[in-house]
Amino acid sequence: MTEERPLIVLAGASGDLGGRIARTLATQGAQVRALVRTSIPALKRDVLEKTGVELVAVDLHDRDDVVSACHGALCVVSTLNGLRDVVIDAQRRLLEAAVAFGFCGGLHPDNAGP
């Protein structure tokens, strides 16, 4: 019987911290799905793909796109950083996706900040 690896969705994998987390999770046996922009640099794409990370281009401003990309995940991890459109708005959509799949307990997007 084949043991299924847990799927971890990671936003921000093309950054320094996110890349470290993605590589560590992958080497520890997790299945990692990195949500990335279509404009991810080729070098960062290659490094992540060589460690077995699945890259999925996502528009973090599109709730349905984010929810779809999070399907089947055990959890969602975010290392996004930036200005309000990223730190508040994109994070809110990630939280909405997590809530849609029921792995956030009592968290609700209405409590995710201003």
Protein backbone atom coordinates (compact mmCIF):
# COMPACT_ATOMS: atom_id res chain seq x y z
CA MET A 1 0.00 0.00 0.00
CA THR A 2 1.36 3.41 -0.99
CA GLU A 3 1.31 6.08 1.67
CA GLU A 4 -0.09 9.35 0.39
CA ARG A 5 2.06 12.39 1.06
CA PRO A 6 0.31 15.38 2.63
CA LEU A 7 -0.29 18.29 0.26
CA ILE A 8 0.90 21.65 1.56
CA VAL A 9 -0.05 24.75 -0.43
CA LEU A 10 2.55 27.49 -0.13
CA ALA A 11 2.14 31.08 -1.27
CA GLY A 12 5.37 33.05 -1.56
CA ALA A 13 7.68 30.17 -2.51
CA SER A 14 9.67 32.34 -4.92
CA GLY A 15 10.89 34.51 -2.05
CA ASP A 16 13.79 33.68 0.25
CA LEU A 17 11.78 32.40 3.24
CA GLY A 18 9.14 30.72 1.08
CA GLY A 19 11.79 29.01 -1.02
CA ARG A 20 13.49 27.66 2.08
CA ILE A 21 10.19 26.38 3.44
CA ALA A 22 9.26 24.79 0.09
CA ARG A 23 12.58 22.97 -0.21
CA THR A 24 12.49 21.81 3.42
CA LEU A 25 8.93 20.51 3.15
CA ALA A 26 9.74 18.70 -0.09
CA THR A 27 12.87 17.07 1.34
CA GLN A 28 10.86 15.98 4.39
CA GLY A 29 8.41 14.14 2.16
CA ALA A 30 5.54 16.59 1.82
CA GLN A 31 3.90 17.23 -1.51
CA VAL A 32 4.28 20.99 -2.01
CA ARG A 33 2.12 23.06 -4.34
CA ALA A 34 3.57 26.55 -4.70
CA LEU A 35 1.22 29.31 -5.77
CA VAL A 36 3.30 31.57 -8.00
CA ARG A 37 2.88 34.51 -10.34
CA THR A 38 3.11 33.88 -14.06
CA SER A 39 6.15 36.16 -14.02
CA ILE A 40 8.26 33.97 -11.68
CA PRO A 41 11.90 34.17 -12.83
CA ALA A 42 13.12 31.06 -14.68
CA LEU A 43 15.97 30.44 -12.21
CA LYS A 44 13.59 30.40 -9.21
CA ARG A 45 11.16 28.20 -11.15
CA ASP A 46 13.95 25.72 -11.98
CA VAL A 47 15.22 25.52 -8.40
CA LEU A 48 11.75 24.83 -7.03
CA GLU A 49 10.87 22.30 -9.71
CA LYS A 50 14.15 20.41 -9.19
CA THR A 51 13.19 19.84 -5.56
CA GLY A 52 9.86 18.38 -6.60
CA VAL A 53 7.69 21.40 -5.86
CA GLU A 54 4.57 21.67 -8.03
CA LEU A 55 4.21 25.21 -9.36
CA VAL A 56 0.75 26.60 -10.04
CA ALA A 57 0.38 30.06 -11.58
CA VAL A 58 -2.37 31.84 -9.65
CA ASP A 59 -3.90 35.29 -9.68
CA LEU A 60 -3.99 36.01 -5.95
CA HIS A 61 -6.61 38.69 -6.60
CA ASP A 62 -9.04 36.09 -7.98
CA ARG A 63 -10.79 34.25 -5.13
CA ASP A 64 -11.96 31.35 -7.33
CA ASP A 65 -8.46 30.88 -8.74
CA VAL A 66 -6.98 30.71 -5.24
CA VAL A 67 -9.70 28.37 -3.95
CA SER A 68 -9.18 26.06 -6.92
CA ALA A 69 -5.40 25.99 -6.40
CA CYS A 70 -5.87 25.04 -2.73
CA HIS A 71 -8.08 22.04 -3.48
CA GLY A 72 -6.90 18.88 -1.71
CA ALA A 73 -4.47 20.63 0.62
CA LEU A 74 -3.85 19.61 4.20
CA CYS A 75 -2.98 23.23 4.98
CA VAL A 76 -2.08 26.57 3.42
CA VAL A 77 1.14 28.36 4.35
CA SER A 78 1.83 31.95 3.34
CA THR A 79 5.13 33.78 3.27
CA LEU A 80 3.78 36.59 1.10
CA ASN A 81 5.06 40.07 1.75
CA GLY A 82 4.44 43.41 0.17
CA LEU A 83 2.02 46.29 0.42
CA ARG A 84 -1.68 46.26 1.32
CA ASP A 85 -2.77 44.51 -1.88
CA VAL A 86 -0.60 41.55 -0.88
CA VAL A 87 -0.43 41.61 2.90
CA ILE A 88 -4.15 42.25 3.42
CA ASP A 89 -6.03 41.50 0.20
CA ALA A 90 -4.15 38.45 -1.10
CA GLN A 91 -3.83 36.99 2.40
CA ARG A 92 -7.61 37.39 2.81
CA ARG A 93 -8.20 35.32 -0.34
CA LEU A 94 -5.84 32.63 0.94
CA LEU A 95 -7.78 32.58 4.19
CA GLU A 96 -11.07 32.34 2.27
CA ALA A 97 -9.67 29.35 0.39
CA ALA A 98 -8.59 27.71 3.63
CA VAL A 99 -12.02 28.28 5.15
CA ALA A 100 -13.70 26.92 1.99
CA PHE A 101 -11.92 23.61 2.57
CA GLY A 102 -12.55 23.60 6.32
CA PHE A 103 -9.01 23.60 7.66
CA CYS A 104 -9.05 26.85 9.60
CA GLY A 105 -11.19 25.92 12.58
CA GLY A 106 -12.84 29.07 13.87
CA LEU A 107 -11.00 31.55 11.64
CA HIS A 108 -13.12 33.69 9.36
CA PRO A 109 -12.02 36.14 6.62
CA ASP A 110 -14.04 38.95 8.26
CA ASN A 111 -11.58 38.78 11.16
CA ALA A 112 -8.46 38.85 8.98
CA GLY A 113 -7.67 42.51 9.43
CA PRO A 114 -8.87 45.94 8.33
